[in-house]
N, C-alpha and C. Protein backbone atom coordinates (compact mmCIF):
# COMPACT_ATOMS: atom_id res chain seq x y z
N UNK A 1 120.87 -8.91 -36.98
CA UNK A 1 121.85 -7.84 -37.03
C UNK A 1 123.15 -8.31 -36.40
N UNK A 2 124.25 -8.12 -37.09
CA UNK A 2 125.55 -8.53 -36.58
C UNK A 2 126.05 -7.55 -35.53
N UNK A 3 127.11 -7.93 -34.85
CA UNK A 3 127.71 -7.07 -33.85
C UNK A 3 128.69 -6.13 -34.53
N UNK A 4 128.53 -4.85 -34.27
CA UNK A 4 129.48 -3.85 -34.74
C UNK A 4 130.23 -3.30 -33.55
N UNK A 5 131.52 -3.04 -33.73
CA UNK A 5 132.36 -2.53 -32.66
C UNK A 5 133.09 -1.30 -33.17
N UNK A 6 132.86 -0.18 -32.49
CA UNK A 6 133.58 1.06 -32.80
C UNK A 6 134.48 1.38 -31.62
N UNK A 7 135.72 1.76 -31.90
CA UNK A 7 136.68 2.08 -30.85
C UNK A 7 136.84 3.58 -30.69
N UNK A 8 136.93 3.98 -29.44
CA UNK A 8 137.30 5.35 -29.08
C UNK A 8 138.36 5.25 -27.99
N UNK A 9 139.15 6.30 -27.86
CA UNK A 9 140.18 6.35 -26.82
C UNK A 9 140.02 7.66 -26.06
N UNK A 10 139.89 7.54 -24.75
CA UNK A 10 139.80 8.72 -23.89
C UNK A 10 140.67 8.47 -22.66
N UNK A 11 141.61 9.35 -22.41
CA UNK A 11 142.43 9.33 -21.20
C UNK A 11 143.05 7.97 -20.91
N UNK A 12 143.57 7.31 -21.95
CA UNK A 12 144.21 6.02 -21.77
C UNK A 12 143.28 4.84 -21.72
N UNK A 13 141.98 5.08 -21.85
CA UNK A 13 140.99 4.01 -21.82
C UNK A 13 140.50 3.76 -23.24
N UNK A 14 140.42 2.49 -23.62
CA UNK A 14 139.86 2.11 -24.91
C UNK A 14 138.40 1.75 -24.70
N UNK A 15 137.53 2.49 -25.36
CA UNK A 15 136.10 2.25 -25.25
C UNK A 15 135.66 1.50 -26.50
N UNK A 16 135.10 0.32 -26.31
CA UNK A 16 134.53 -0.45 -27.41
C UNK A 16 133.03 -0.24 -27.36
N UNK A 17 132.52 0.52 -28.30
CA UNK A 17 131.08 0.78 -28.38
C UNK A 17 130.46 -0.34 -29.21
N UNK A 18 129.67 -1.17 -28.57
CA UNK A 18 129.06 -2.31 -29.21
C UNK A 18 127.66 -1.94 -29.68
N UNK A 19 127.28 -2.46 -30.84
CA UNK A 19 125.90 -2.29 -31.30
C UNK A 19 125.49 -3.53 -32.07
N UNK A 20 124.24 -3.91 -31.89
CA UNK A 20 123.72 -5.11 -32.53
C UNK A 20 123.44 -6.18 -31.49
N UNK A 21 123.83 -7.41 -31.83
CA UNK A 21 123.59 -8.55 -30.95
C UNK A 21 124.90 -9.22 -30.59
N UNK A 22 125.04 -9.58 -29.33
CA UNK A 22 126.20 -10.33 -28.86
C UNK A 22 125.72 -11.75 -28.59
N UNK A 23 125.78 -12.57 -29.64
CA UNK A 23 125.23 -13.93 -29.58
C UNK A 23 126.25 -14.91 -30.16
N UNK A 24 125.93 -16.20 -30.03
CA UNK A 24 126.81 -17.26 -30.52
C UNK A 24 127.15 -17.07 -31.99
N UNK A 25 128.36 -17.43 -32.34
CA UNK A 25 128.78 -17.37 -33.73
C UNK A 25 129.72 -16.22 -33.98
N UNK A 26 129.56 -15.63 -35.15
CA UNK A 26 130.46 -14.57 -35.60
C UNK A 26 130.44 -13.36 -34.66
N UNK A 27 129.30 -13.07 -34.05
CA UNK A 27 129.20 -11.91 -33.17
C UNK A 27 130.10 -12.07 -31.95
N UNK A 28 130.03 -13.23 -31.29
CA UNK A 28 130.89 -13.47 -30.13
C UNK A 28 132.36 -13.48 -30.54
N UNK A 29 132.63 -14.06 -31.71
CA UNK A 29 134.01 -14.07 -32.22
C UNK A 29 134.52 -12.65 -32.47
N UNK A 30 133.65 -11.79 -32.97
CA UNK A 30 134.03 -10.40 -33.23
C UNK A 30 134.46 -9.71 -31.95
N UNK A 31 133.69 -9.89 -30.88
CA UNK A 31 134.05 -9.26 -29.62
C UNK A 31 135.40 -9.77 -29.14
N UNK A 32 135.59 -11.08 -29.14
CA UNK A 32 136.86 -11.65 -28.68
C UNK A 32 138.03 -11.11 -29.50
N UNK A 33 137.88 -11.11 -30.81
CA UNK A 33 138.96 -10.65 -31.67
C UNK A 33 139.30 -9.19 -31.43
N UNK A 34 138.29 -8.35 -31.29
CA UNK A 34 138.54 -6.92 -31.08
C UNK A 34 139.19 -6.65 -29.72
N UNK A 35 138.75 -7.38 -28.69
CA UNK A 35 139.34 -7.21 -27.37
C UNK A 35 140.81 -7.64 -27.36
N UNK A 36 141.08 -8.80 -27.91
CA UNK A 36 142.46 -9.28 -27.92
C UNK A 36 143.35 -8.42 -28.79
N UNK A 37 142.83 -7.93 -29.90
CA UNK A 37 143.58 -7.04 -30.77
C UNK A 37 143.94 -5.75 -30.03
N UNK A 38 142.98 -5.19 -29.32
CA UNK A 38 143.25 -3.96 -28.56
C UNK A 38 144.32 -4.22 -27.50
N UNK A 39 144.19 -5.33 -26.80
CA UNK A 39 145.16 -5.65 -25.75
C UNK A 39 146.56 -5.85 -26.32
N UNK A 40 146.64 -6.55 -27.45
CA UNK A 40 147.95 -6.79 -28.06
C UNK A 40 148.59 -5.49 -28.55
N UNK A 41 147.79 -4.47 -28.79
CA UNK A 41 148.31 -3.16 -29.19
C UNK A 41 148.69 -2.32 -27.98
N UNK A 42 148.60 -2.91 -26.78
CA UNK A 42 149.00 -2.20 -25.57
C UNK A 42 147.89 -1.46 -24.88
N UNK A 43 146.68 -1.68 -25.29
CA UNK A 43 145.52 -1.02 -24.67
C UNK A 43 144.98 -1.93 -23.59
N UNK A 44 145.33 -1.64 -22.34
CA UNK A 44 145.02 -2.54 -21.24
C UNK A 44 143.81 -2.12 -20.42
N UNK A 45 143.35 -0.91 -20.57
CA UNK A 45 142.14 -0.45 -19.89
C UNK A 45 141.02 -0.46 -20.91
N UNK A 46 140.06 -1.39 -20.74
CA UNK A 46 138.99 -1.59 -21.72
C UNK A 46 137.64 -1.33 -21.07
N UNK A 47 136.83 -0.52 -21.74
CA UNK A 47 135.47 -0.23 -21.30
C UNK A 47 134.53 -0.67 -22.42
N UNK A 48 133.66 -1.64 -22.11
CA UNK A 48 132.69 -2.13 -23.09
C UNK A 48 131.38 -1.39 -22.90
N UNK A 49 130.94 -0.68 -23.92
CA UNK A 49 129.68 0.06 -23.86
C UNK A 49 128.58 -0.75 -24.54
N UNK A 50 127.53 -1.04 -23.79
CA UNK A 50 126.42 -1.85 -24.28
C UNK A 50 125.18 -1.03 -24.61
N UNK A 51 125.33 0.27 -24.73
CA UNK A 51 124.17 1.15 -24.94
C UNK A 51 123.33 0.74 -26.15
N UNK A 52 123.95 0.29 -27.21
CA UNK A 52 123.23 -0.05 -28.44
C UNK A 52 123.19 -1.54 -28.73
N UNK A 53 123.32 -2.35 -27.68
CA UNK A 53 123.25 -3.80 -27.85
C UNK A 53 121.82 -4.25 -27.63
N UNK A 54 121.29 -4.96 -28.62
CA UNK A 54 119.91 -5.41 -28.58
C UNK A 54 119.71 -6.64 -27.72
N UNK A 55 120.64 -7.59 -27.80
CA UNK A 55 120.50 -8.82 -27.02
C UNK A 55 121.85 -9.47 -26.80
N UNK A 56 121.90 -10.24 -25.71
CA UNK A 56 123.09 -11.00 -25.36
C UNK A 56 122.61 -12.39 -24.96
N UNK A 57 123.23 -13.42 -25.53
CA UNK A 57 122.87 -14.79 -25.13
C UNK A 57 123.99 -15.39 -24.28
N UNK A 58 123.85 -16.67 -23.96
CA UNK A 58 124.82 -17.32 -23.09
C UNK A 58 126.22 -17.34 -23.72
N UNK A 59 126.29 -17.47 -25.04
CA UNK A 59 127.59 -17.44 -25.70
C UNK A 59 128.22 -16.06 -25.58
N UNK A 60 127.41 -15.03 -25.68
CA UNK A 60 127.91 -13.67 -25.50
C UNK A 60 128.42 -13.45 -24.09
N UNK A 61 127.66 -13.93 -23.10
CA UNK A 61 128.12 -13.84 -21.71
C UNK A 61 129.42 -14.61 -21.53
N UNK A 62 129.48 -15.79 -22.13
CA UNK A 62 130.69 -16.59 -22.02
C UNK A 62 131.89 -15.89 -22.61
N UNK A 63 131.69 -15.21 -23.71
CA UNK A 63 132.79 -14.48 -24.35
C UNK A 63 133.24 -13.32 -23.48
N UNK A 64 132.29 -12.66 -22.82
CA UNK A 64 132.63 -11.57 -21.91
C UNK A 64 133.49 -12.09 -20.75
N UNK A 65 133.10 -13.23 -20.19
CA UNK A 65 133.85 -13.81 -19.07
C UNK A 65 135.23 -14.28 -19.53
N UNK A 66 135.30 -14.91 -20.69
CA UNK A 66 136.59 -15.38 -21.21
C UNK A 66 137.52 -14.20 -21.46
N UNK A 67 136.99 -13.13 -22.01
CA UNK A 67 137.80 -11.94 -22.26
C UNK A 67 138.27 -11.33 -20.95
N UNK A 68 137.37 -11.25 -19.98
CA UNK A 68 137.73 -10.73 -18.67
C UNK A 68 138.89 -11.54 -18.07
N UNK A 69 138.75 -12.86 -18.10
CA UNK A 69 139.79 -13.72 -17.52
C UNK A 69 141.12 -13.57 -18.25
N UNK A 70 141.07 -13.58 -19.58
CA UNK A 70 142.30 -13.49 -20.37
C UNK A 70 143.00 -12.16 -20.14
N UNK A 71 142.24 -11.08 -20.12
CA UNK A 71 142.86 -9.77 -19.97
C UNK A 71 143.35 -9.51 -18.56
N UNK A 72 142.59 -9.91 -17.54
CA UNK A 72 143.04 -9.67 -16.17
C UNK A 72 144.26 -10.50 -15.83
N UNK A 73 144.36 -11.71 -16.39
CA UNK A 73 145.57 -12.53 -16.15
C UNK A 73 146.81 -11.83 -16.69
N UNK A 74 146.62 -10.99 -17.70
CA UNK A 74 147.75 -10.29 -18.33
C UNK A 74 147.89 -8.86 -17.82
N UNK A 75 147.17 -8.52 -16.77
CA UNK A 75 147.29 -7.19 -16.18
C UNK A 75 146.33 -6.17 -16.75
N UNK A 76 145.36 -6.58 -17.52
CA UNK A 76 144.38 -5.66 -18.08
C UNK A 76 143.16 -5.50 -17.19
N UNK A 77 142.32 -4.56 -17.56
CA UNK A 77 141.09 -4.30 -16.82
C UNK A 77 139.95 -4.14 -17.81
N UNK A 78 138.84 -4.83 -17.54
CA UNK A 78 137.64 -4.73 -18.37
C UNK A 78 136.49 -4.28 -17.48
N UNK A 79 135.80 -3.23 -17.92
CA UNK A 79 134.62 -2.74 -17.20
C UNK A 79 133.48 -2.58 -18.19
N UNK A 80 132.25 -2.54 -17.66
CA UNK A 80 131.06 -2.46 -18.50
C UNK A 80 130.34 -1.14 -18.30
N UNK A 81 129.75 -0.65 -19.38
CA UNK A 81 129.04 0.62 -19.36
C UNK A 81 127.68 0.46 -20.03
N UNK A 82 126.67 1.08 -19.44
CA UNK A 82 125.32 1.16 -20.03
C UNK A 82 124.74 -0.20 -20.39
N UNK A 83 124.75 -1.12 -19.43
CA UNK A 83 124.11 -2.41 -19.70
C UNK A 83 122.60 -2.23 -19.67
N UNK A 84 121.91 -2.93 -20.55
CA UNK A 84 120.46 -2.84 -20.65
C UNK A 84 119.81 -3.58 -19.49
N UNK A 85 118.52 -3.41 -19.35
CA UNK A 85 117.78 -4.13 -18.32
C UNK A 85 117.93 -5.62 -18.48
N UNK A 86 117.87 -6.10 -19.73
CA UNK A 86 118.01 -7.53 -19.99
C UNK A 86 119.40 -8.04 -19.60
N UNK A 87 120.42 -7.33 -20.02
CA UNK A 87 121.78 -7.74 -19.68
C UNK A 87 122.03 -7.61 -18.18
N UNK A 88 121.53 -6.56 -17.58
CA UNK A 88 121.68 -6.39 -16.13
C UNK A 88 121.04 -7.57 -15.40
N UNK A 89 119.88 -8.00 -15.88
CA UNK A 89 119.19 -9.15 -15.29
C UNK A 89 120.03 -10.42 -15.44
N UNK A 90 120.60 -10.64 -16.64
CA UNK A 90 121.44 -11.81 -16.87
C UNK A 90 122.68 -11.79 -15.96
N UNK A 91 123.28 -10.63 -15.84
CA UNK A 91 124.47 -10.52 -14.98
C UNK A 91 124.12 -10.83 -13.54
N UNK A 92 122.98 -10.33 -13.07
CA UNK A 92 122.56 -10.60 -11.69
C UNK A 92 122.20 -12.07 -11.50
N UNK A 93 121.47 -12.61 -12.44
CA UNK A 93 121.02 -14.01 -12.32
C UNK A 93 122.19 -14.99 -12.32
N UNK A 94 123.22 -14.69 -13.09
CA UNK A 94 124.40 -15.56 -13.16
C UNK A 94 125.47 -15.15 -12.16
N UNK A 95 125.20 -14.12 -11.38
CA UNK A 95 126.11 -13.55 -10.39
C UNK A 95 127.39 -12.98 -11.01
N UNK A 96 127.33 -12.71 -12.31
CA UNK A 96 128.48 -12.07 -12.98
C UNK A 96 128.57 -10.59 -12.64
N UNK A 97 127.52 -10.04 -12.04
CA UNK A 97 127.58 -8.65 -11.59
C UNK A 97 128.59 -8.51 -10.45
N UNK A 98 128.99 -9.62 -9.86
CA UNK A 98 130.02 -9.60 -8.82
C UNK A 98 131.42 -9.60 -9.44
N UNK A 99 131.51 -10.05 -10.68
CA UNK A 99 132.79 -10.12 -11.39
C UNK A 99 133.11 -8.80 -12.07
N UNK A 100 132.13 -8.26 -12.79
CA UNK A 100 132.33 -7.05 -13.58
C UNK A 100 131.97 -5.80 -12.80
N UNK A 101 132.78 -4.76 -12.97
CA UNK A 101 132.40 -3.43 -12.50
C UNK A 101 131.52 -2.83 -13.59
N UNK A 102 130.30 -2.42 -13.21
CA UNK A 102 129.31 -1.93 -14.16
C UNK A 102 129.00 -0.47 -13.84
N UNK A 103 128.97 0.36 -14.88
CA UNK A 103 128.71 1.79 -14.72
C UNK A 103 127.59 2.23 -15.66
N UNK A 104 126.82 3.22 -15.17
CA UNK A 104 125.77 3.83 -15.99
C UNK A 104 126.22 5.16 -16.57
N UNK A 105 127.36 5.66 -16.10
CA UNK A 105 127.85 6.97 -16.47
C UNK A 105 129.27 6.84 -17.01
N UNK A 106 129.49 7.33 -18.23
CA UNK A 106 130.81 7.19 -18.84
C UNK A 106 131.89 7.91 -18.06
N UNK A 107 131.61 9.10 -17.57
CA UNK A 107 132.62 9.85 -16.82
C UNK A 107 133.04 9.10 -15.57
N UNK A 108 132.09 8.50 -14.86
CA UNK A 108 132.42 7.73 -13.66
C UNK A 108 133.22 6.48 -14.03
N UNK A 109 132.85 5.84 -15.13
CA UNK A 109 133.58 4.66 -15.57
C UNK A 109 135.02 5.02 -15.92
N UNK A 110 135.21 6.11 -16.64
CA UNK A 110 136.56 6.54 -17.01
C UNK A 110 137.38 6.89 -15.77
N UNK A 111 136.76 7.58 -14.83
CA UNK A 111 137.46 7.96 -13.60
C UNK A 111 137.88 6.73 -12.80
N UNK A 112 137.10 5.65 -12.88
CA UNK A 112 137.41 4.45 -12.10
C UNK A 112 138.73 3.82 -12.52
N UNK A 113 139.14 4.02 -13.76
CA UNK A 113 140.40 3.46 -14.21
C UNK A 113 141.59 4.18 -13.58
N UNK A 114 141.38 5.39 -13.14
CA UNK A 114 142.45 6.18 -12.54
C UNK A 114 142.40 6.19 -11.02
N UNK A 115 141.48 5.37 -10.45
CA UNK A 115 141.33 5.36 -9.00
C UNK A 115 142.54 4.70 -8.35
N UNK A 116 142.71 4.98 -7.07
CA UNK A 116 143.84 4.43 -6.31
C UNK A 116 143.81 2.91 -6.35
N UNK A 117 144.96 2.32 -6.52
CA UNK A 117 145.07 0.88 -6.51
C UNK A 117 144.90 0.25 -7.89
N UNK A 118 144.52 1.03 -8.86
CA UNK A 118 144.36 0.48 -10.21
C UNK A 118 145.59 0.86 -11.01
N UNK A 119 146.41 -0.12 -11.30
CA UNK A 119 147.64 0.16 -12.03
C UNK A 119 147.50 -0.30 -13.47
N UNK A 120 148.22 0.34 -14.31
CA UNK A 120 148.17 0.02 -15.73
C UNK A 120 149.55 -0.40 -16.20
N UNK A 121 149.59 -1.42 -17.02
CA UNK A 121 150.86 -1.89 -17.58
C UNK A 121 150.88 -1.54 -19.05
N UNK A 122 150.69 -0.27 -19.36
CA UNK A 122 150.66 0.20 -20.74
C UNK A 122 152.05 0.12 -21.34
N UNK A 123 152.12 -0.31 -22.59
CA UNK A 123 153.41 -0.37 -23.28
C UNK A 123 153.74 0.96 -23.89
């Protein structure tokens, strides 16, 4: 199953709802392309929802880290929502849980973008 990405916008946050597999190849490329496209359109607050993601491999993790680095260097913010047990385990094992802010609740994740000290460079 390929990676599908649906976009929603709530309170200035772009939510990328992922479904399928985030693995090497076209799937990882899809995530990168959608993230960069959103950022280039001025959407700097990005929330990746993993609720319907079946699996993530090392290439998928690498793409997440690359996107995080690229967007934060440009003043963007990337946060994660509804990571599965498998992905949560991978994030902990690779210590990427220290890099990403991870939320189980969409309302809390959305509120975090408006917290003190978080500035947005929206065009």
